[in-house]
């Protein structure tokens, strides 16, 4: 009688590099993440241009305002271009870093909307 062969269960190999949780979902559904325009609000560009106008009036650079507010430069750039939605606390931090108040922001918003209403 031939010797009985033991059946060996194959164990899946672990990846060589550990990935963060959810990384596989991102890879699987990355097409959904490419175009996130649907997540932008319509007021972001107007608010961002108003903040940029206030910053320019104060003669500050993006780097100076970002450092004063505790942000990095690219974040402020995206906020001013309308690519980022800003929370109320973030708007207040930026106004404090610029040295402006809410009345000046309201005036800047009116000026920006009057300059080019098509860019809303």
PDB file of N, CA and C in Angstrom:
ATOM      1  N   UNK A   1       0.830  -1.170   0.000  1.00  0.00           N
ATOM      2  CA  UNK A   1       0.000   0.000   0.000  1.00  0.00           C
ATOM      3  C   UNK A   1       0.885   1.247   0.000  1.00  0.00           C
ATOM      4  N   UNK A   2       0.578   2.225  -0.946  1.00  0.00           N
ATOM      5  CA  UNK A   2       1.431   3.416  -0.996  1.00  0.00           C
ATOM      6  C   UNK A   2       1.234   4.291   0.244  1.00  0.00           C
ATOM      7  N   UNK A   3       2.298   5.020   0.534  1.00  0.00           N
ATOM      8  CA  UNK A   3       2.245   5.914   1.702  1.00  0.00           C
ATOM      9  C   UNK A   3       1.204   7.010   1.462  1.00  0.00           C
ATOM     10  N   UNK A   4       0.493   7.276   2.485  1.00  0.00           N
ATOM     11  CA  UNK A   4      -0.550   8.298   2.384  1.00  0.00           C
ATOM     12  C   UNK A   4       0.080   9.686   2.447  1.00  0.00           C
ATOM     13  N   UNK A   5      -0.269  10.527   1.482  1.00  0.00           N
ATOM     14  CA  UNK A   5       0.274  11.895   1.464  1.00  0.00           C
ATOM     15  C   UNK A   5      -0.621  12.782   2.302  1.00  0.00           C
ATOM     16  N   UNK A   6       0.002  13.583   3.103  1.00  0.00           N
ATOM     17  CA  UNK A   6      -0.773  14.532   3.907  1.00  0.00           C
ATOM     18  C   UNK A   6      -1.109  15.738   3.059  1.00  0.00           C
ATOM     19  N   UNK A   7      -2.276  16.186   3.237  1.00  0.00           N
ATOM     20  CA  UNK A   7      -2.711  17.376   2.505  1.00  0.00           C
ATOM     21  C   UNK A   7      -2.247  18.616   3.262  1.00  0.00           C
ATOM     22  N   UNK A   8      -1.533  19.457   2.589  1.00  0.00           N
ATOM     23  CA  UNK A   8      -1.033  20.692   3.201  1.00  0.00           C
ATOM     24  C   UNK A   8      -1.906  21.841   2.723  1.00  0.00           C
ATOM     25  N   UNK A   9      -2.436  22.552   3.686  1.00  0.00           N
ATOM     26  CA  UNK A   9      -3.253  23.719   3.343  1.00  0.00           C
ATOM     27  C   UNK A   9      -2.337  24.874   2.998  1.00  0.00           C
ATOM     28  N   UNK A  10      -2.653  25.517   1.920  1.00  0.00           N
ATOM     29  CA  UNK A  10      -1.826  26.662   1.548  1.00  0.00           C
ATOM     30  C   UNK A  10      -2.296  27.892   2.325  1.00  0.00           C
ATOM     31  N   UNK A  11      -1.370  28.556   2.907  1.00  0.00           N
ATOM     32  CA  UNK A  11      -1.652  29.765   3.678  1.00  0.00           C
ATOM     33  C   UNK A  11      -1.302  30.957   2.797  1.00  0.00           C
ATOM     34  N   UNK A  12      -2.231  31.903   2.668  1.00  0.00           N
ATOM     35  CA  UNK A  12      -1.899  33.069   1.838  1.00  0.00           C
ATOM     36  C   UNK A  12      -0.711  33.824   2.404  1.00  0.00           C
ATOM     37  N   UNK A  13       0.115  34.286   1.518  1.00  0.00           N
ATOM     38  CA  UNK A  13       1.309  35.019   1.930  1.00  0.00           C
ATOM     39  C   UNK A  13       0.930  36.444   2.300  1.00  0.00           C
ATOM     40  N   UNK A  14       1.601  36.947   3.267  1.00  0.00           N
ATOM     41  CA  UNK A  14       1.383  38.334   3.675  1.00  0.00           C
ATOM     42  C   UNK A  14       2.106  39.244   2.707  1.00  0.00           C
ATOM     43  N   UNK A  15       1.556  40.436   2.479  1.00  0.00           N
ATOM     44  CA  UNK A  15       2.281  41.367   1.611  1.00  0.00           C
ATOM     45  C   UNK A  15       3.591  41.789   2.262  1.00  0.00           C
ATOM     46  N   UNK A  16       4.555  42.049   1.443  1.00  0.00           N
ATOM     47  CA  UNK A  16       5.866  42.437   1.949  1.00  0.00           C
ATOM     48  C   UNK A  16       5.806  43.780   2.667  1.00  0.00           C
ATOM     49  N   UNK A  17       4.930  44.649   2.209  1.00  0.00           N
ATOM     50  CA  UNK A  17       4.808  45.975   2.799  1.00  0.00           C
ATOM     51  C   UNK A  17       3.436  46.069   3.445  1.00  0.00           C
ATOM     52  N   UNK A  18       3.401  46.523   4.658  1.00  0.00           N
ATOM     53  CA  UNK A  18       2.119  46.677   5.328  1.00  0.00           C
ATOM     54  C   UNK A  18       1.443  47.934   4.797  1.00  0.00           C
ATOM     55  N   UNK A  19       0.153  47.831   4.565  1.00  0.00           N
ATOM     56  CA  UNK A  19      -0.590  48.969   4.045  1.00  0.00           C
ATOM     57  C   UNK A  19      -1.482  49.529   5.134  1.00  0.00           C
ATOM     58  N   UNK A  20      -1.862  50.761   4.979  1.00  0.00           N
ATOM     59  CA  UNK A  20      -2.753  51.367   5.963  1.00  0.00           C
ATOM     60  C   UNK A  20      -4.172  50.861   5.726  1.00  0.00           C
ATOM     61  N   UNK A  21      -4.975  50.963   6.723  1.00  0.00           N
ATOM     62  CA  UNK A  21      -6.356  50.490   6.608  1.00  0.00           C
ATOM     63  C   UNK A  21      -7.084  51.295   5.539  1.00  0.00           C
ATOM     64  N   UNK A  22      -7.809  50.629   4.705  1.00  0.00           N
ATOM     65  CA  UNK A  22      -8.587  51.297   3.675  1.00  0.00           C
ATOM     66  C   UNK A  22      -7.834  51.546   2.382  1.00  0.00           C
ATOM     67  N   UNK A  23      -6.548  51.231   2.345  1.00  0.00           N
ATOM     68  CA  UNK A  23      -5.774  51.496   1.131  1.00  0.00           C
ATOM     69  C   UNK A  23      -6.279  50.654  -0.025  1.00  0.00           C
ATOM     70  N   UNK A  24      -6.666  49.430   0.265  1.00  0.00           N
ATOM     71  CA  UNK A  24      -7.160  48.572  -0.812  1.00  0.00           C
ATOM     72  C   UNK A  24      -8.461  49.106  -1.389  1.00  0.00           C
ATOM     73  N   UNK A  25      -9.296  49.667  -0.543  1.00  0.00           N
ATOM     74  CA  UNK A  25     -10.531  50.261  -1.045  1.00  0.00           C
ATOM     75  C   UNK A  25     -10.230  51.431  -1.959  1.00  0.00           C
ATOM     76  N   UNK A  26      -9.223  52.227  -1.593  1.00  0.00           N
ATOM     77  CA  UNK A  26      -8.860  53.350  -2.447  1.00  0.00           C
ATOM     78  C   UNK A  26      -8.392  52.857  -3.805  1.00  0.00           C
ATOM     79  N   UNK A  27      -7.562  51.822  -3.810  1.00  0.00           N
ATOM     80  CA  UNK A  27      -7.059  51.297  -5.074  1.00  0.00           C
ATOM     81  C   UNK A  27      -8.207  50.735  -5.903  1.00  0.00           C
ATOM     82  N   UNK A  28      -9.113  50.048  -5.245  1.00  0.00           N
ATOM     83  CA  UNK A  28     -10.217  49.431  -5.965  1.00  0.00           C
ATOM     84  C   UNK A  28     -11.168  50.471  -6.551  1.00  0.00           C
ATOM     85  N   UNK A  29     -11.407  51.521  -5.838  1.00  0.00           N
ATOM     86  CA  UNK A  29     -12.381  52.510  -6.267  1.00  0.00           C
ATOM     87  C   UNK A  29     -11.736  53.852  -6.616  1.00  0.00           C
ATOM     88  N   UNK A  30     -10.500  53.833  -7.064  1.00  0.00           N
ATOM     89  CA  UNK A  30      -9.792  55.087  -7.301  1.00  0.00           C
ATOM     90  C   UNK A  30     -10.442  55.941  -8.381  1.00  0.00           C
ATOM     91  N   UNK A  31     -11.170  55.313  -9.272  1.00  0.00           N
ATOM     92  CA  UNK A  31     -11.829  56.109 -10.297  1.00  0.00           C
ATOM     93  C   UNK A  31     -12.814  57.078  -9.675  1.00  0.00           C
ATOM     94  N   UNK A  32     -13.439  56.674  -8.604  1.00  0.00           N
ATOM     95  CA  UNK A  32     -14.413  57.545  -7.942  1.00  0.00           C
ATOM     96  C   UNK A  32     -13.741  58.738  -7.279  1.00  0.00           C
ATOM     97  N   UNK A  33     -12.454  58.606  -6.938  1.00  0.00           N
ATOM     98  CA  UNK A  33     -11.757  59.682  -6.248  1.00  0.00           C
ATOM     99  C   UNK A  33     -11.111  60.680  -7.207  1.00  0.00           C
ATOM    100  N   UNK A  34     -11.058  60.369  -8.475  1.00  0.00           N
ATOM    101  CA  UNK A  34     -10.355  61.253  -9.402  1.00  0.00           C
ATOM    102  C   UNK A  34     -11.050  62.588  -9.569  1.00  0.00           C
ATOM    103  N   UNK A  35     -12.352  62.582  -9.731  1.00  0.00           N
ATOM    104  CA  UNK A  35     -13.087  63.815  -9.955  1.00  0.00           C
ATOM    105  C   UNK A  35     -13.963  64.079  -8.738  1.00  0.00           C
ATOM    106  N   UNK A  36     -13.529  65.016  -7.919  1.00  0.00           N
ATOM    107  CA  UNK A  36     -14.264  65.312  -6.695  1.00  0.00           C
ATOM    108  C   UNK A  36     -14.923  66.682  -6.768  1.00  0.00           C
ATOM    109  N   UNK A  37     -15.209  67.132  -7.979  1.00  0.00           N
ATOM    110  CA  UNK A  37     -15.840  68.432  -8.137  1.00  0.00           C
ATOM    111  C   UNK A  37     -17.203  68.491  -7.475  1.00  0.00           C
ATOM    112  N   UNK A  38     -17.861  67.351  -7.373  1.00  0.00           N
ATOM    113  CA  UNK A  38     -19.180  67.339  -6.761  1.00  0.00           C
ATOM    114  C   UNK A  38     -19.131  67.678  -5.279  1.00  0.00           C
ATOM    115  N   UNK A  39     -17.939  67.646  -4.668  1.00  0.00           N
ATOM    116  CA  UNK A  39     -17.824  67.934  -3.246  1.00  0.00           C
ATOM    117  C   UNK A  39     -17.511  69.402  -2.968  1.00  0.00           C
ATOM    118  N   UNK A  40     -17.300  70.190  -4.007  1.00  0.00           N
ATOM    119  CA  UNK A  40     -17.016  71.605  -3.823  1.00  0.00           C
ATOM    120  C   UNK A  40     -18.316  72.365  -3.673  1.00  0.00           C
ATOM    121  N   UNK A  41     -18.288  73.360  -2.823  1.00  0.00           N
ATOM    122  CA  UNK A  41     -19.484  74.188  -2.709  1.00  0.00           C
ATOM    123  C   UNK A  41     -19.386  75.327  -3.720  1.00  0.00           C
ATOM    124  N   UNK A  42     -20.499  75.960  -3.968  1.00  0.00           N
ATOM    125  CA  UNK A  42     -20.515  77.044  -4.946  1.00  0.00           C
ATOM    126  C   UNK A  42     -19.943  78.339  -4.367  1.00  0.00           C
ATOM    127  N   UNK A  43     -19.869  78.459  -3.044  1.00  0.00           N
ATOM    128  CA  UNK A  43     -19.387  79.694  -2.435  1.00  0.00           C
ATOM    129  C   UNK A  43     -17.878  79.698  -2.217  1.00  0.00           C
ATOM    130  N   UNK A  44     -17.214  78.562  -2.351  1.00  0.00           N
ATOM    131  CA  UNK A  44     -15.783  78.487  -2.084  1.00  0.00           C
ATOM    132  C   UNK A  44     -14.947  79.428  -2.948  1.00  0.00           C
ATOM    133  N   UNK A  45     -15.181  79.503  -4.265  1.00  0.00           N
ATOM    134  CA  UNK A  45     -14.356  80.414  -5.063  1.00  0.00           C
ATOM    135  C   UNK A  45     -14.530  81.875  -4.658  1.00  0.00           C
ATOM    136  N   UNK A  46     -15.740  82.277  -4.340  1.00  0.00           N
ATOM    137  CA  UNK A  46     -15.977  83.674  -3.963  1.00  0.00           C
ATOM    138  C   UNK A  46     -15.309  83.968  -2.623  1.00  0.00           C
ATOM    139  N   UNK A  47     -15.461  83.079  -1.665  1.00  0.00           N
ATOM    140  CA  UNK A  47     -14.835  83.266  -0.358  1.00  0.00           C
ATOM    141  C   UNK A  47     -13.316  83.255  -0.485  1.00  0.00           C
ATOM    142  N   UNK A  48     -12.795  82.347  -1.296  1.00  0.00           N
ATOM    143  CA  UNK A  48     -11.346  82.290  -1.488  1.00  0.00           C
ATOM    144  C   UNK A  48     -10.791  83.547  -2.126  1.00  0.00           C
ATOM    145  N   UNK A  49     -11.494  84.079  -3.141  1.00  0.00           N
ATOM    146  CA  UNK A  49     -11.028  85.325  -3.772  1.00  0.00           C
ATOM    147  C   UNK A  49     -11.129  86.494  -2.814  1.00  0.00           C
ATOM    148  N   UNK A  50     -12.130  86.501  -1.946  1.00  0.00           N
ATOM    149  CA  UNK A  50     -12.253  87.569  -0.956  1.00  0.00           C
ATOM    150  C   UNK A  50     -11.108  87.501   0.053  1.00  0.00           C
ATOM    151  N   UNK A  51     -10.765  86.293   0.485  1.00  0.00           N
ATOM    152  CA  UNK A  51      -9.632  86.150   1.406  1.00  0.00           C
ATOM    153  C   UNK A  51      -8.328  86.563   0.744  1.00  0.00           C
ATOM    154  N   UNK A  52      -8.184  86.232  -0.543  1.00  0.00           N
ATOM    155  CA  UNK A  52      -6.978  86.642  -1.273  1.00  0.00           C
ATOM    156  C   UNK A  52      -6.902  88.170  -1.392  1.00  0.00           C
ATOM    157  N   UNK A  53      -8.046  88.800  -1.636  1.00  0.00           N
ATOM    158  CA  UNK A  53      -8.069  90.268  -1.728  1.00  0.00           C
ATOM    159  C   UNK A  53      -7.665  90.892  -0.398  1.00  0.00           C
ATOM    160  N   UNK A  54      -8.167  90.352   0.706  1.00  0.00           N
ATOM    161  CA  UNK A  54      -7.784  90.877   2.023  1.00  0.00           C
ATOM    162  C   UNK A  54      -6.297  90.665   2.284  1.00  0.00           C
ATOM    163  N   UNK A  55      -5.777  89.520   1.896  1.00  0.00           N
ATOM    164  CA  UNK A  55      -4.351  89.241   2.086  1.00  0.00           C
ATOM    165  C   UNK A  55      -3.496  90.193   1.263  1.00  0.00           C
ATOM    166  N   UNK A  56      -3.927  90.448   0.018  1.00  0.00           N
ATOM    167  CA  UNK A  56      -3.164  91.370  -0.828  1.00  0.00           C
ATOM    168  C   UNK A  56      -3.213  92.792  -0.290  1.00  0.00           C
ATOM    169  N   UNK A  57      -4.360  93.210   0.249  1.00  0.00           N
ATOM    170  CA  UNK A  57      -4.450  94.550   0.849  1.00  0.00           C
ATOM    171  C   UNK A  57      -3.518  94.696   2.037  1.00  0.00           C
ATOM    172  N   UNK A  58      -3.365  93.624   2.795  1.00  0.00           N
ATOM    173  CA  UNK A  58      -2.478  93.654   3.958  1.00  0.00           C
ATOM    174  C   UNK A  58      -1.017  93.474   3.558  1.00  0.00           C
ATOM    175  N   UNK A  59      -0.768  93.263   2.250  1.00  0.00           N
ATOM    176  CA  UNK A  59       0.572  93.075   1.704  1.00  0.00           C
ATOM    177  C   UNK A  59       1.304  91.922   2.386  1.00  0.00           C
ATOM    178  N   UNK A  60       0.591  90.797   2.503  1.00  0.00           N
ATOM    179  CA  UNK A  60       1.170  89.592   3.086  1.00  0.00           C
ATOM    180  C   UNK A  60       1.265  88.513   2.010  1.00  0.00           C
ATOM    181  N   UNK A  61       2.254  87.665   2.141  1.00  0.00           N
ATOM    182  CA  UNK A  61       2.380  86.538   1.222  1.00  0.00           C
ATOM    183  C   UNK A  61       1.577  85.355   1.764  1.00  0.00           C
ATOM    184  N   UNK A  62       1.349  84.378   0.900  1.00  0.00           N
ATOM    185  CA  UNK A  62       0.652  83.171   1.344  1.00  0.00           C
ATOM    186  C   UNK A  62       1.443  82.460   2.430  1.00  0.00           C
ATOM    187  N   UNK A  63       2.740  82.452   2.302  1.00  0.00           N
ATOM    188  CA  UNK A  63       3.581  81.776   3.292  1.00  0.00           C
ATOM    189  C   UNK A  63       3.464  82.445   4.662  1.00  0.00           C
ATOM    190  N   UNK A  64       3.428  83.769   4.675  1.00  0.00           N
ATOM    191  CA  UNK A  64       3.298  84.483   5.952  1.00  0.00           C
ATOM    192  C   UNK A  64       1.948  84.211   6.614  1.00  0.00           C
ATOM    193  N   UNK A  65       0.880  84.275   5.824  1.00  0.00           N
ATOM    194  CA  UNK A  65      -0.452  84.030   6.380  1.00  0.00           C
ATOM    195  C   UNK A  65      -0.577  82.582   6.830  1.00  0.00           C
ATOM    196  N   UNK A  66      -0.064  81.661   6.041  1.00  0.00           N
ATOM    197  CA  UNK A  66      -0.139  80.251   6.400  1.00  0.00           C
ATOM    198  C   UNK A  66       0.626  79.983   7.696  1.00  0.00           C
ATOM    199  N   UNK A  67       1.791  80.586   7.847  1.00  0.00           N
ATOM    200  CA  UNK A  67       2.570  80.392   9.071  1.00  0.00           C
ATOM    201  C   UNK A  67       1.847  81.003  10.273  1.00  0.00           C
ATOM    202  N   UNK A  68       1.260  82.182  10.087  1.00  0.00           N
ATOM    203  CA  UNK A  68       0.546  82.833  11.185  1.00  0.00           C
ATOM    204  C   UNK A  68      -0.700  82.052  11.593  1.00  0.00           C
ATOM    205  N   UNK A  69      -1.347  81.408  10.633  1.00  0.00           N
ATOM    206  CA  UNK A  69      -2.583  80.673  10.914  1.00  0.00           C
ATOM    207  C   UNK A  69      -2.316  79.219  11.291  1.00  0.00           C
ATOM    208  N   UNK A  70      -1.095  78.748  11.081  1.00  0.00           N
ATOM    209  CA  UNK A  70      -0.768  77.370  11.413  1.00  0.00           C
ATOM    210  C   UNK A  70      -1.100  76.385  10.311  1.00  0.00           C
ATOM    211  N   UNK A  71      -1.130  76.844   9.063  1.00  0.00           N
ATOM    212  CA  UNK A  71      -1.397  75.975   7.921  1.00  0.00           C
ATOM    213  C   UNK A  71      -0.136  75.860   7.088  1.00  0.00           C
ATOM    214  N   UNK A  72      -0.182  74.986   6.092  1.00  0.00           N
ATOM    215  CA  UNK A  72       0.901  74.941   5.124  1.00  0.00           C
ATOM    216  C   UNK A  72       0.496  75.748   3.889  1.00  0.00           C
ATOM    217  N   UNK A  73       1.478  76.119   3.098  1.00  0.00           N
ATOM    218  CA  UNK A  73       1.238  76.961   1.930  1.00  0.00           C
ATOM    219  C   UNK A  73       0.257  76.390   0.925  1.00  0.00           C
ATOM    220  N   UNK A  74       0.393  75.112   0.550  1.00  0.00           N
ATOM    221  CA  UNK A  74      -0.545  74.546  -0.427  1.00  0.00           C
ATOM    222  C   UNK A  74      -1.998  74.568   0.051  1.00  0.00           C
ATOM    223  N   UNK A  75      -2.233  74.388   1.341  1.00  0.00           N
ATOM    224  CA  UNK A  75      -3.602  74.426   1.858  1.00  0.00           C
ATOM    225  C   UNK A  75      -4.213  75.802   1.624  1.00  0.00           C
ATOM    226  N   UNK A  76      -3.453  76.846   1.938  1.00  0.00           N
ATOM    227  CA  UNK A  76      -3.953  78.210   1.751  1.00  0.00           C
ATOM    228  C   UNK A  76      -4.160  78.501   0.269  1.00  0.00           C
ATOM    229  N   UNK A  77      -3.280  78.020  -0.567  1.00  0.00           N
ATOM    230  CA  UNK A  77      -3.426  78.223  -2.010  1.00  0.00           C
ATOM    231  C   UNK A  77      -4.708  77.583  -2.525  1.00  0.00           C
ATOM    232  N   UNK A  78      -4.970  76.342  -2.093  1.00  0.00           N
ATOM    233  CA  UNK A  78      -6.202  75.667  -2.510  1.00  0.00           C
ATOM    234  C   UNK A  78      -7.443  76.354  -1.949  1.00  0.00           C
ATOM    235  N   UNK A  79      -7.333  76.891  -0.745  1.00  0.00           N
ATOM    236  CA  UNK A  79      -8.476  77.596  -0.149  1.00  0.00           C
ATOM    237  C   UNK A  79      -8.777  78.875  -0.922  1.00  0.00           C
ATOM    238  N   UNK A  80      -7.731  79.610  -1.298  1.00  0.00           N
ATOM    239  CA  UNK A  80      -7.934  80.857  -2.030  1.00  0.00           C
ATOM    240  C   UNK A  80      -8.426  80.619  -3.453  1.00  0.00           C
ATOM    241  N   UNK A  81      -8.076  79.491  -4.040  1.00  0.00           N
ATOM    242  CA  UNK A  81      -8.527  79.212  -5.403  1.00  0.00           C
ATOM    243  C   UNK A  81      -9.907  78.563  -5.427  1.00  0.00           C
ATOM    244  N   UNK A  82     -10.442  78.243  -4.253  1.00  0.00           N
ATOM    245  CA  UNK A  82     -11.776  77.654  -4.183  1.00  0.00           C
ATOM    246  C   UNK A  82     -11.786  76.153  -4.291  1.00  0.00           C
ATOM    247  N   UNK A  83     -10.621  75.520  -4.226  1.00  0.00           N
ATOM    248  CA  UNK A  83     -10.551  74.065  -4.310  1.00  0.00           C
ATOM    249  C   UNK A  83     -10.830  73.395  -2.974  1.00  0.00           C
ATOM    250  N   UNK A  84     -10.832  74.156  -1.900  1.00  0.00           N
ATOM    251  CA  UNK A  84     -11.099  73.626  -0.564  1.00  0.00           C
ATOM    252  C   UNK A  84     -12.292  74.351   0.034  1.00  0.00           C
ATOM    253  N   UNK A  85     -13.166  73.608   0.664  1.00  0.00           N
ATOM    254  CA  UNK A  85     -14.215  74.211   1.463  1.00  0.00           C
ATOM    255  C   UNK A  85     -13.615  74.549   2.824  1.00  0.00           C
ATOM    256  N   UNK A  86     -13.973  75.692   3.344  1.00  0.00           N
ATOM    257  CA  UNK A  86     -13.419  76.132   4.614  1.00  0.00           C
ATOM    258  C   UNK A  86     -14.466  76.064   5.711  1.00  0.00           C
ATOM    259  N   UNK A  87     -14.047  75.571   6.869  1.00  0.00           N
ATOM    260  CA  UNK A  87     -14.926  75.602   8.030  1.00  0.00           C
ATOM    261  C   UNK A  87     -14.892  77.006   8.625  1.00  0.00           C
ATOM    262  N   UNK A  88     -15.894  77.292   9.428  1.00  0.00           N
ATOM    263  CA  UNK A  88     -15.993  78.611  10.043  1.00  0.00           C
ATOM    264  C   UNK A  88     -14.760  78.906  10.898  1.00  0.00           C
ATOM    265  N   UNK A  89     -14.297  77.929  11.654  1.00  0.00           N
ATOM    266  CA  UNK A  89     -13.121  78.140  12.507  1.00  0.00           C
ATOM    267  C   UNK A  89     -11.883  78.446  11.661  1.00  0.00           C
ATOM    268  N   UNK A  90     -11.803  77.850  10.477  1.00  0.00           N
ATOM    269  CA  UNK A  90     -10.663  78.108   9.591  1.00  0.00           C
ATOM    270  C   UNK A  90     -10.722  79.525   9.043  1.00  0.00           C
ATOM    271  N   UNK A  91     -11.910  79.984   8.683  1.00  0.00           N
ATOM    272  CA  UNK A  91     -12.071  81.355   8.185  1.00  0.00           C
ATOM    273  C   UNK A  91     -11.646  82.339   9.272  1.00  0.00           C
ATOM    274  N   UNK A  92     -12.050  82.089  10.506  1.00  0.00           N
ATOM    275  CA  UNK A  92     -11.678  82.988  11.607  1.00  0.00           C
ATOM    276  C   UNK A  92     -10.178  82.978  11.848  1.00  0.00           C
ATOM    277  N   UNK A  93      -9.545  81.816  11.739  1.00  0.00           N
ATOM    278  CA  UNK A  93      -8.085  81.757  11.902  1.00  0.00           C
ATOM    279  C   UNK A  93      -7.380  82.530  10.800  1.00  0.00           C
ATOM    280  N   UNK A  94      -7.887  82.401   9.564  1.00  0.00           N
ATOM    281  CA  UNK A  94      -7.269  83.136   8.461  1.00  0.00           C
ATOM    282  C   UNK A  94      -7.455  84.638   8.623  1.00  0.00           C
ATOM    283  N   UNK A  95      -8.645  85.044   9.040  1.00  0.00           N
ATOM    284  CA  UNK A  95      -8.874  86.476   9.254  1.00  0.00           C
ATOM    285  C   UNK A  95      -7.961  87.018  10.341  1.00  0.00           C
ATOM    286  N   UNK A  96      -7.766  86.244  11.397  1.00  0.00           N
ATOM    287  CA  UNK A  96      -6.869  86.668  12.465  1.00  0.00           C
ATOM    288  C   UNK A  96      -5.435  86.767  11.959  1.00  0.00           C
ATOM    289  N   UNK A  97      -5.017  85.818  11.131  1.00  0.00           N
ATOM    290  CA  UNK A  97      -3.657  85.837  10.581  1.00  0.00           C
ATOM    291  C   UNK A  97      -3.453  87.017   9.633  1.00  0.00           C
ATOM    292  N   UNK A  98      -4.498  87.394   8.921  1.00  0.00           N
ATOM    293  CA  UNK A  98      -4.413  88.526   7.989  1.00  0.00           C
ATOM    294  C   UNK A  98      -4.500  89.850   8.738  1.00  0.00           C
ATOM    295  N   UNK A  99      -5.193  89.833   9.867  1.00  0.00           N
ATOM    296  CA  UNK A  99      -5.397  91.068  10.618  1.00  0.00           C
ATOM    297  C   UNK A  99      -6.665  91.772  10.182  1.00  0.00           C
ATOM    298  N   UNK A 100      -7.645  91.019   9.745  1.00  0.00           N
ATOM    299  CA  UNK A 100      -8.915  91.581   9.268  1.00  0.00           C
ATOM    300  C   UNK A 100     -10.038  91.081  10.168  1.00  0.00           C
ATOM    301  N   UNK A 101     -11.196  91.716  10.039  1.00  0.00           N
ATOM    302  CA  UNK A 101     -12.359  91.283  10.805  1.00  0.00           C
ATOM    303  C   UNK A 101     -13.483  90.881   9.854  1.00  0.00           C
ATOM    304  N   UNK A 102     -14.603  90.481  10.430  1.00  0.00           N
ATOM    305  CA  UNK A 102     -15.722  89.997   9.621  1.00  0.00           C
ATOM    306  C   UNK A 102     -16.323  91.086   8.742  1.00  0.00           C
ATOM    307  N   UNK A 103     -16.325  92.331   9.211  1.00  0.00           N
ATOM    308  CA  UNK A 103     -16.858  93.427   8.395  1.00  0.00           C
ATOM    309  C   UNK A 103     -16.018  93.618   7.130  1.00  0.00           C
ATOM    310  N   UNK A 104     -14.715  93.539   7.283  1.00  0.00           N
ATOM    311  CA  UNK A 104     -13.842  93.658   6.115  1.00  0.00           C
ATOM    312  C   UNK A 104     -14.028  92.480   5.161  1.00  0.00           C
ATOM    313  N   UNK A 105     -14.255  91.279   5.717  1.00  0.00           N
ATOM    314  CA  UNK A 105     -14.519  90.120   4.866  1.00  0.00           C
ATOM    315  C   UNK A 105     -15.825  90.298   4.102  1.00  0.00           C
ATOM    316  N   UNK A 106     -16.850  90.812   4.776  1.00  0.00           N
ATOM    317  CA  UNK A 106     -18.139  91.036   4.103  1.00  0.00           C
ATOM    318  C   UNK A 106     -17.984  92.049   2.976  1.00  0.00           C
ATOM    319  N   UNK A 107     -17.236  93.122   3.222  1.00  0.00           N
ATOM    320  CA  UNK A 107     -16.994  94.117   2.170  1.00  0.00           C
ATOM    321  C   UNK A 107     -16.224  93.508   0.999  1.00  0.00           C
ATOM    322  N   UNK A 108     -15.221  92.667   1.317  1.00  0.00           N
ATOM    323  CA  UNK A 108     -14.435  92.024   0.258  1.00  0.00           C
ATOM    324  C   UNK A 108     -15.298  91.060  -0.549  1.00  0.00           C
ATOM    325  N   UNK A 109     -16.215  90.358   0.112  1.00  0.00           N
ATOM    326  CA  UNK A 109     -17.121  89.459  -0.608  1.00  0.00           C
ATOM    327  C   UNK A 109     -17.995  90.230  -1.591  1.00  0.00           C
ATOM    328  N   UNK A 110     -18.505  91.382  -1.174  1.00  0.00           N
ATOM    329  CA  UNK A 110     -19.340  92.201  -2.060  1.00  0.00           C
ATOM    330  C   UNK A 110     -18.520  92.685  -3.250  1.00  0.00           C
ATOM    331  N   UNK A 111     -17.294  93.132  -2.996  1.00  0.00           N
ATOM    332  CA  UNK A 111     -16.434  93.623  -4.073  1.00  0.00           C
ATOM    333  C   UNK A 111     -16.107  92.510  -5.073  1.00  0.00           C
ATOM    334  N   UNK A 112     -15.808  91.323  -4.571  1.00  0.00           N
ATOM    335  CA  UNK A 112     -15.458  90.211  -5.451  1.00  0.00           C
ATOM    336  C   UNK A 112     -16.660  89.822  -6.304  1.00  0.00           C
ATOM    337  N   UNK A 113     -17.839  89.775  -5.714  1.00  0.00           N
ATOM    338  CA  UNK A 113     -19.032  89.412  -6.483  1.00  0.00           C
ATOM    339  C   UNK A 113     -19.367  90.468  -7.526  1.00  0.00           C
ATOM    340  N   UNK A 114     -19.090  91.730  -7.235  1.00  0.00           N
ATOM    341  CA  UNK A 114     -19.365  92.790  -8.201  1.00  0.00           C
ATOM    342  C   UNK A 114     -18.347  92.807  -9.333  1.00  0.00           C
ATOM    343  N   UNK A 115     -17.129  92.396  -9.055  1.00  0.00           N
ATOM    344  CA  UNK A 115     -16.081  92.415 -10.084  1.00  0.00           C
ATOM    345  C   UNK A 115     -16.424  91.469 -11.231  1.00  0.00           C
ATOM    346  N   UNK A 116     -16.754  90.231 -10.921  1.00  0.00           N
ATOM    347  CA  UNK A 116     -17.033  89.253 -11.951  1.00  0.00           C
ATOM    348  C   UNK A 116     -18.085  88.265 -11.459  1.00  0.00           C
ATOM    349  N   UNK A 117     -19.357  88.591 -11.650  1.00  0.00           N
ATOM    350  CA  UNK A 117     -20.412  87.702 -11.166  1.00  0.00           C
ATOM    351  C   UNK A 117     -20.445  86.346 -11.881  1.00  0.00           C
ATOM    352  N   UNK A 118     -19.801  86.201 -13.012  1.00  0.00           N
ATOM    353  CA  UNK A 118     -19.834  84.929 -13.741  1.00  0.00           C
ATOM    354  C   UNK A 118     -18.961  83.863 -13.076  1.00  0.00           C
ATOM    355  N   UNK A 119     -18.048  84.247 -12.178  1.00  0.00           N
ATOM    356  CA  UNK A 119     -17.143  83.292 -11.537  1.00  0.00           C
ATOM    357  C   UNK A 119     -17.695  82.766 -10.216  1.00  0.00           C
ATOM    358  N   UNK A 120     -18.972  82.764 -10.036  1.00  0.00           N
ATOM    359  CA  UNK A 120     -19.556  82.271  -8.779  1.00  0.00           C
ATOM    360  C   UNK A 120     -19.456  80.803  -8.667  1.00  0.00           C
TER     361      UNK A 120
END
